[in-house]
Amino acid sequence: MEEKNQEQKYQEARKALQEWLDKQGHNMCWYYPEIFRELSKILEVTPSRKPDLPPREEFRPNCERYECEIYEQNLL
């Protein structure tokens, strides 16, 4: 398998980030592990621990806050 050079990694990371930024509708939320998994894979970074989500009663209000901020900034 061919080793990627820095420019290839940069371009792949840039593409992954752009795809995440372009998500729409229900695919948007303040918790976005898929972008970090993809960037970790591209940049060959191994997580030192598993993700730790907050309790559901804390998660939902923060997700709603994120949505409100998006609407207030007229980003949608």
PDB file of N, CA and C in Angstrom:
ATOM      1  N   MET A   1       0.840  -1.183   0.000  1.00  0.00           N
ATOM      2  CA  MET A   1       0.000   0.000   0.000  1.00  0.00           C
ATOM      3  C   MET A   1       0.886   1.248   0.000  1.00  0.00           C
ATOM      4  N   GLU A   2       0.543   2.203  -0.838  1.00  0.00           N
ATOM      5  CA  GLU A   2       1.321   3.424  -0.972  1.00  0.00           C
ATOM      6  C   GLU A   2       1.084   4.369   0.203  1.00  0.00           C
ATOM      7  N   GLU A   3       2.161   4.901   0.735  1.00  0.00           N
ATOM      8  CA  GLU A   3       2.051   5.844   1.841  1.00  0.00           C
ATOM      9  C   GLU A   3       1.633   7.209   1.298  1.00  0.00           C
ATOM     10  N   LYS A   4       0.707   7.860   1.978  1.00  0.00           N
ATOM     11  CA  LYS A   4       0.224   9.168   1.537  1.00  0.00           C
ATOM     12  C   LYS A   4       1.195  10.262   1.966  1.00  0.00           C
ATOM     13  N   ASN A   5       1.371  11.226   1.084  1.00  0.00           N
ATOM     14  CA  ASN A   5       2.200  12.366   1.459  1.00  0.00           C
ATOM     15  C   ASN A   5       1.333  13.420   2.138  1.00  0.00           C
ATOM     16  N   GLN A   6       1.957  14.434   2.663  1.00  0.00           N
ATOM     17  CA  GLN A   6       1.252  15.479   3.414  1.00  0.00           C
ATOM     18  C   GLN A   6       0.184  16.163   2.557  1.00  0.00           C
ATOM     19  N   GLU A   7       0.468  16.434   1.306  1.00  0.00           N
ATOM     20  CA  GLU A   7      -0.504  17.100   0.433  1.00  0.00           C
ATOM     21  C   GLU A   7      -1.735  16.218   0.208  1.00  0.00           C
ATOM     22  N   GLN A   8      -1.536  14.924   0.003  1.00  0.00           N
ATOM     23  CA  GLN A   8      -2.672  14.018  -0.171  1.00  0.00           C
ATOM     24  C   GLN A   8      -3.528  13.981   1.094  1.00  0.00           C
ATOM     25  N   LYS A   9      -2.879  13.899   2.252  1.00  0.00           N
ATOM     26  CA  LYS A   9      -3.620  13.894   3.522  1.00  0.00           C
ATOM     27  C   LYS A   9      -4.385  15.197   3.695  1.00  0.00           C
ATOM     28  N   TYR A  10      -3.736  16.306   3.367  1.00  0.00           N
ATOM     29  CA  TYR A  10      -4.391  17.618   3.477  1.00  0.00           C
ATOM     30  C   TYR A  10      -5.632  17.665   2.587  1.00  0.00           C
ATOM     31  N   GLN A  11      -5.503  17.221   1.347  1.00  0.00           N
ATOM     32  CA  GLN A  11      -6.628  17.271   0.411  1.00  0.00           C
ATOM     33  C   GLN A  11      -7.767  16.364   0.871  1.00  0.00           C
ATOM     34  N   GLU A  12      -7.455  15.182   1.378  1.00  0.00           N
ATOM     35  CA  GLU A  12      -8.490  14.277   1.881  1.00  0.00           C
ATOM     36  C   GLU A  12      -9.178  14.858   3.112  1.00  0.00           C
ATOM     37  N   ALA A  13      -8.398  15.442   4.011  1.00  0.00           N
ATOM     38  CA  ALA A  13      -8.974  16.054   5.216  1.00  0.00           C
ATOM     39  C   ALA A  13      -9.859  17.235   4.833  1.00  0.00           C
ATOM     40  N   ARG A  14      -9.404  18.026   3.891  1.00  0.00           N
ATOM     41  CA  ARG A  14     -10.185  19.182   3.416  1.00  0.00           C
ATOM     42  C   ARG A  14     -11.512  18.719   2.811  1.00  0.00           C
ATOM     43  N   LYS A  15     -11.468  17.657   2.006  1.00  0.00           N
ATOM     44  CA  LYS A  15     -12.686  17.118   1.388  1.00  0.00           C
ATOM     45  C   LYS A  15     -13.650  16.605   2.459  1.00  0.00           C
ATOM     46  N   ALA A  16     -13.144  15.867   3.437  1.00  0.00           N
ATOM     47  CA  ALA A  16     -13.990  15.332   4.517  1.00  0.00           C
ATOM     48  C   ALA A  16     -14.639  16.464   5.306  1.00  0.00           C
ATOM     49  N   LEU A  17     -13.871  17.489   5.595  1.00  0.00           N
ATOM     50  CA  LEU A  17     -14.410  18.631   6.339  1.00  0.00           C
ATOM     51  C   LEU A  17     -15.465  19.361   5.518  1.00  0.00           C
ATOM     52  N   GLN A  18     -15.225  19.543   4.230  1.00  0.00           N
ATOM     53  CA  GLN A  18     -16.206  20.219   3.371  1.00  0.00           C
ATOM     54  C   GLN A  18     -17.500  19.424   3.299  1.00  0.00           C
ATOM     55  N   GLU A  19     -17.397  18.101   3.182  1.00  0.00           N
ATOM     56  CA  GLU A  19     -18.596  17.263   3.151  1.00  0.00           C
ATOM     57  C   GLU A  19     -19.386  17.397   4.445  1.00  0.00           C
ATOM     58  N   TRP A  20     -18.683  17.474   5.578  1.00  0.00           N
ATOM     59  CA  TRP A  20     -19.382  17.636   6.849  1.00  0.00           C
ATOM     60  C   TRP A  20     -20.050  19.008   6.916  1.00  0.00           C
ATOM     61  N   LEU A  21     -19.351  20.050   6.484  1.00  0.00           N
ATOM     62  CA  LEU A  21     -19.910  21.397   6.516  1.00  0.00           C
ATOM     63  C   LEU A  21     -21.139  21.532   5.624  1.00  0.00           C
ATOM     64  N   ASP A  22     -21.203  20.738   4.575  1.00  0.00           N
ATOM     65  CA  ASP A  22     -22.306  20.814   3.624  1.00  0.00           C
ATOM     66  C   ASP A  22     -23.513  19.971   4.009  1.00  0.00           C
ATOM     67  N   LYS A  23     -23.460  19.280   5.155  1.00  0.00           N
ATOM     68  CA  LYS A  23     -24.593  18.454   5.576  1.00  0.00           C
ATOM     69  C   LYS A  23     -25.827  19.320   5.779  1.00  0.00           C
ATOM     70  N   GLN A  24     -26.969  18.716   5.567  1.00  0.00           N
ATOM     71  CA  GLN A  24     -28.238  19.425   5.670  1.00  0.00           C
ATOM     72  C   GLN A  24     -29.225  18.658   6.533  1.00  0.00           C
ATOM     73  N   GLY A  25     -30.267  19.346   6.977  1.00  0.00           N
ATOM     74  CA  GLY A  25     -31.380  18.718   7.673  1.00  0.00           C
ATOM     75  C   GLY A  25     -31.001  17.962   8.926  1.00  0.00           C
ATOM     76  N   HIS A  26     -31.536  16.760   9.055  1.00  0.00           N
ATOM     77  CA  HIS A  26     -31.339  15.946  10.256  1.00  0.00           C
ATOM     78  C   HIS A  26     -29.908  15.436  10.402  1.00  0.00           C
ATOM     79  N   ASN A  27     -29.096  15.593   9.392  1.00  0.00           N
ATOM     80  CA  ASN A  27     -27.701  15.165   9.480  1.00  0.00           C
ATOM     81  C   ASN A  27     -26.842  16.171  10.239  1.00  0.00           C
ATOM     82  N   MET A  28     -27.427  17.324  10.580  1.00  0.00           N
ATOM     83  CA  MET A  28     -26.688  18.340  11.324  1.00  0.00           C
ATOM     84  C   MET A  28     -26.991  18.209  12.813  1.00  0.00           C
ATOM     85  N   CYS A  29     -25.993  18.292  13.622  1.00  0.00           N
ATOM     86  CA  CYS A  29     -26.159  18.313  15.065  1.00  0.00           C
ATOM     87  C   CYS A  29     -24.848  18.762  15.681  1.00  0.00           C
ATOM     88  N   TRP A  30     -24.882  19.156  16.925  1.00  0.00           N
ATOM     89  CA  TRP A  30     -23.651  19.632  17.565  1.00  0.00           C
ATOM     90  C   TRP A  30     -22.704  18.491  17.901  1.00  0.00           C
ATOM     91  N   TYR A  31     -23.183  17.270  17.862  1.00  0.00           N
ATOM     92  CA  TYR A  31     -22.320  16.102  18.093  1.00  0.00           C
ATOM     93  C   TYR A  31     -22.043  15.477  16.734  1.00  0.00           C
ATOM     94  N   TYR A  32     -20.802  15.448  16.328  1.00  0.00           N
ATOM     95  CA  TYR A  32     -20.465  14.999  14.975  1.00  0.00           C
ATOM     96  C   TYR A  32     -19.239  14.093  14.970  1.00  0.00           C
ATOM     97  N   PRO A  33     -19.400  12.862  15.482  1.00  0.00           N
ATOM     98  CA  PRO A  33     -18.252  11.948  15.563  1.00  0.00           C
ATOM     99  C   PRO A  33     -17.728  11.493  14.211  1.00  0.00           C
ATOM    100  N   GLU A  34     -18.587  11.458  13.190  1.00  0.00           N
ATOM    101  CA  GLU A  34     -18.137  10.928  11.906  1.00  0.00           C
ATOM    102  C   GLU A  34     -17.009  11.758  11.299  1.00  0.00           C
ATOM    103  N   ILE A  35     -17.040  13.076  11.478  1.00  0.00           N
ATOM    104  CA  ILE A  35     -15.969  13.903  10.911  1.00  0.00           C
ATOM    105  C   ILE A  35     -14.660  13.646  11.647  1.00  0.00           C
ATOM    106  N   PHE A  36     -14.722  13.447  12.942  1.00  0.00           N
ATOM    107  CA  PHE A  36     -13.498  13.177  13.693  1.00  0.00           C
ATOM    108  C   PHE A  36     -12.938  11.795  13.371  1.00  0.00           C
ATOM    109  N   ARG A  37     -13.824  10.807  13.167  1.00  0.00           N
ATOM    110  CA  ARG A  37     -13.352   9.481  12.767  1.00  0.00           C
ATOM    111  C   ARG A  37     -12.663   9.538  11.410  1.00  0.00           C
ATOM    112  N   GLU A  38     -13.273  10.257  10.467  1.00  0.00           N
ATOM    113  CA  GLU A  38     -12.706  10.363   9.124  1.00  0.00           C
ATOM    114  C   GLU A  38     -11.362  11.096   9.151  1.00  0.00           C
ATOM    115  N   LEU A  39     -11.294  12.216   9.860  1.00  0.00           N
ATOM    116  CA  LEU A  39     -10.033  12.958   9.941  1.00  0.00           C
ATOM    117  C   LEU A  39      -8.965  12.148  10.668  1.00  0.00           C
ATOM    118  N   SER A  40      -9.350  11.421  11.701  1.00  0.00           N
ATOM    119  CA  SER A  40      -8.392  10.571  12.420  1.00  0.00           C
ATOM    120  C   SER A  40      -7.813   9.506  11.501  1.00  0.00           C
ATOM    121  N   LYS A  41      -8.669   8.940  10.670  1.00  0.00           N
ATOM    122  CA  LYS A  41      -8.226   7.912   9.724  1.00  0.00           C
ATOM    123  C   LYS A  41      -7.243   8.508   8.710  1.00  0.00           C
ATOM    124  N   ILE A  42      -7.598   9.642   8.131  1.00  0.00           N
ATOM    125  CA  ILE A  42      -6.750  10.293   7.129  1.00  0.00           C
ATOM    126  C   ILE A  42      -5.399  10.671   7.721  1.00  0.00           C
ATOM    127  N   LEU A  43      -5.428  11.255   8.916  1.00  0.00           N
ATOM    128  CA  LEU A  43      -4.204  11.763   9.532  1.00  0.00           C
ATOM    129  C   LEU A  43      -3.496  10.717  10.387  1.00  0.00           C
ATOM    130  N   GLU A  44      -4.053   9.504  10.402  1.00  0.00           N
ATOM    131  CA  GLU A  44      -3.468   8.383  11.126  1.00  0.00           C
ATOM    132  C   GLU A  44      -3.284   8.679  12.616  1.00  0.00           C
ATOM    133  N   VAL A  45      -4.366   9.173  13.209  1.00  0.00           N
ATOM    134  CA  VAL A  45      -4.384   9.475  14.640  1.00  0.00           C
ATOM    135  C   VAL A  45      -5.281   8.444  15.311  1.00  0.00           C
ATOM    136  N   THR A  46      -4.792   7.810  16.354  1.00  0.00           N
ATOM    137  CA  THR A  46      -5.558   6.809  17.087  1.00  0.00           C
ATOM    138  C   THR A  46      -6.123   7.442  18.357  1.00  0.00           C
ATOM    139  N   PRO A  47      -7.445   7.369  18.542  1.00  0.00           N
ATOM    140  CA  PRO A  47      -8.029   7.925  19.766  1.00  0.00           C
ATOM    141  C   PRO A  47      -7.457   7.241  21.011  1.00  0.00           C
ATOM    142  N   SER A  48      -7.276   8.018  22.049  1.00  0.00           N
ATOM    143  CA  SER A  48      -6.738   7.456  23.289  1.00  0.00           C
ATOM    144  C   SER A  48      -7.854   6.951  24.207  1.00  0.00           C
ATOM    145  N   ARG A  49      -9.106   7.286  23.882  1.00  0.00           N
ATOM    146  CA  ARG A  49     -10.240   6.798  24.669  1.00  0.00           C
ATOM    147  C   ARG A  49     -11.498   6.847  23.828  1.00  0.00           C
ATOM    148  N   LYS A  50     -12.550   6.178  24.281  1.00  0.00           N
ATOM    149  CA  LYS A  50     -13.833   6.161  23.574  1.00  0.00           C
ATOM    150  C   LYS A  50     -14.581   7.467  23.851  1.00  0.00           C
ATOM    151  N   PRO A  51     -15.456   7.878  22.906  1.00  0.00           N
ATOM    152  CA  PRO A  51     -16.257   9.087  23.133  1.00  0.00           C
ATOM    153  C   PRO A  51     -17.162   8.914  24.352  1.00  0.00           C
ATOM    154  N   ASP A  52     -17.407   9.986  25.040  1.00  0.00           N
ATOM    155  CA  ASP A  52     -18.250   9.961  26.232  1.00  0.00           C
ATOM    156  C   ASP A  52     -19.376  10.973  26.043  1.00  0.00           C
ATOM    157  N   LEU A  53     -20.539  10.478  25.658  1.00  0.00           N
ATOM    158  CA  LEU A  53     -21.687  11.354  25.452  1.00  0.00           C
ATOM    159  C   LEU A  53     -22.277  11.772  26.795  1.00  0.00           C
ATOM    160  N   PRO A  54     -22.829  12.979  26.847  1.00  0.00           N
ATOM    161  CA  PRO A  54     -23.510  13.395  28.077  1.00  0.00           C
ATOM    162  C   PRO A  54     -24.822  12.629  28.222  1.00  0.00           C
ATOM    163  N   PRO A  55     -25.408  12.670  29.408  1.00  0.00           N
ATOM    164  CA  PRO A  55     -26.720  12.029  29.589  1.00  0.00           C
ATOM    165  C   PRO A  55     -27.735  12.634  28.611  1.00  0.00           C
ATOM    166  N   ARG A  56     -28.720  11.832  28.220  1.00  0.00           N
ATOM    167  CA  ARG A  56     -29.723  12.262  27.230  1.00  0.00           C
ATOM    168  C   ARG A  56     -30.392  13.585  27.615  1.00  0.00           C
ATOM    169  N   GLU A  57     -30.697  13.768  28.907  1.00  0.00           N
ATOM    170  CA  GLU A  57     -31.375  15.006  29.326  1.00  0.00           C
ATOM    171  C   GLU A  57     -30.478  16.238  29.146  1.00  0.00           C
ATOM    172  N   GLU A  58     -29.186  16.047  29.077  1.00  0.00           N
ATOM    173  CA  GLU A  58     -28.253  17.139  28.795  1.00  0.00           C
ATOM    174  C   GLU A  58     -28.007  17.259  27.288  1.00  0.00           C
ATOM    175  N   PHE A  59     -28.011  16.143  26.598  1.00  0.00           N
ATOM    176  CA  PHE A  59     -27.738  16.099  25.171  1.00  0.00           C
ATOM    177  C   PHE A  59     -28.801  16.860  24.368  1.00  0.00           C
ATOM    178  N   ARG A  60     -30.057  16.573  24.620  1.00  0.00           N
ATOM    179  CA  ARG A  60     -31.155  17.174  23.841  1.00  0.00           C
ATOM    180  C   ARG A  60     -31.186  18.694  23.918  1.00  0.00           C
ATOM    181  N   PRO A  61     -31.123  19.302  25.111  1.00  0.00           N
ATOM    182  CA  PRO A  61     -31.148  20.763  25.165  1.00  0.00           C
ATOM    183  C   PRO A  61     -29.961  21.401  24.419  1.00  0.00           C
ATOM    184  N   ASN A  62     -28.802  20.761  24.476  1.00  0.00           N
ATOM    185  CA  ASN A  62     -27.647  21.307  23.762  1.00  0.00           C
ATOM    186  C   ASN A  62     -27.817  21.189  22.257  1.00  0.00           C
ATOM    187  N   CYS A  63     -28.458  20.115  21.815  1.00  0.00           N
ATOM    188  CA  CYS A  63     -28.737  19.953  20.393  1.00  0.00           C
ATOM    189  C   CYS A  63     -29.730  21.045  19.953  1.00  0.00           C
ATOM    190  N   GLU A  64     -30.722  21.307  20.781  1.00  0.00           N
ATOM    191  CA  GLU A  64     -31.685  22.371  20.485  1.00  0.00           C
ATOM    192  C   GLU A  64     -31.005  23.742  20.484  1.00  0.00           C
ATOM    193  N   ARG A  65     -30.079  23.957  21.414  1.00  0.00           N
ATOM    194  CA  ARG A  65     -29.335  25.220  21.465  1.00  0.00           C
ATOM    195  C   ARG A  65     -28.537  25.405  20.172  1.00  0.00           C
ATOM    196  N   TYR A  66     -27.894  24.338  19.718  1.00  0.00           N
ATOM    197  CA  TYR A  66     -27.127  24.387  18.473  1.00  0.00           C
ATOM    198  C   TYR A  66     -28.051  24.776  17.315  1.00  0.00           C
ATOM    199  N   GLU A  67     -29.212  24.148  17.245  1.00  0.00           N
ATOM    200  CA  GLU A  67     -30.163  24.449  16.183  1.00  0.00           C
ATOM    201  C   GLU A  67     -30.595  25.912  16.239  1.00  0.00           C
ATOM    202  N   CYS A  68     -30.885  26.420  17.427  1.00  0.00           N
ATOM    203  CA  CYS A  68     -31.290  27.822  17.579  1.00  0.00           C
ATOM    204  C   CYS A  68     -30.186  28.771  17.118  1.00  0.00           C
ATOM    205  N   GLU A  69     -28.942  28.450  17.461  1.00  0.00           N
ATOM    206  CA  GLU A  69     -27.825  29.291  17.041  1.00  0.00           C
ATOM    207  C   GLU A  69     -27.711  29.323  15.520  1.00  0.00           C
ATOM    208  N   ILE A  70     -27.912  28.183  14.883  1.00  0.00           N
ATOM    209  CA  ILE A  70     -27.858  28.114  13.418  1.00  0.00           C
ATOM    210  C   ILE A  70     -28.943  29.003  12.814  1.00  0.00           C
ATOM    211  N   TYR A  71     -30.173  28.883  13.339  1.00  0.00           N
ATOM    212  CA  TYR A  71     -31.281  29.694  12.812  1.00  0.00           C
ATOM    213  C   TYR A  71     -31.061  31.179  13.075  1.00  0.00           C
ATOM    214  N   GLU A  72     -30.564  31.522  14.260  1.00  0.00           N
ATOM    215  CA  GLU A  72     -30.308  32.932  14.591  1.00  0.00           C
ATOM    216  C   GLU A  72     -29.252  33.556  13.699  1.00  0.00           C
ATOM    217  N   GLN A  73     -28.293  32.753  13.267  1.00  0.00           N
ATOM    218  CA  GLN A  73     -27.233  33.251  12.407  1.00  0.00           C
ATOM    219  C   GLN A  73     -27.652  33.213  10.930  1.00  0.00           C
ATOM    220  N   ASN A  74     -28.910  32.814  10.688  1.00  0.00           N
ATOM    221  CA  ASN A  74     -29.439  32.698   9.324  1.00  0.00           C
ATOM    222  C   ASN A  74     -28.583  31.814   8.446  1.00  0.00           C
ATOM    223  N   LEU A  75     -28.054  30.739   9.026  1.00  0.00           N
ATOM    224  CA  LEU A  75     -27.228  29.817   8.253  1.00  0.00           C
ATOM    225  C   LEU A  75     -28.071  28.766   7.532  1.00  0.00           C
ATOM    226  N   LEU A  76     -29.332  28.656   7.916  1.00  0.00           N
ATOM    227  CA  LEU A  76     -30.203  27.694   7.241  1.00  0.00           C
ATOM    228  C   LEU A  76     -31.218  28.422   6.403  1.00  0.00           C
TER     229      LEU A  76
END
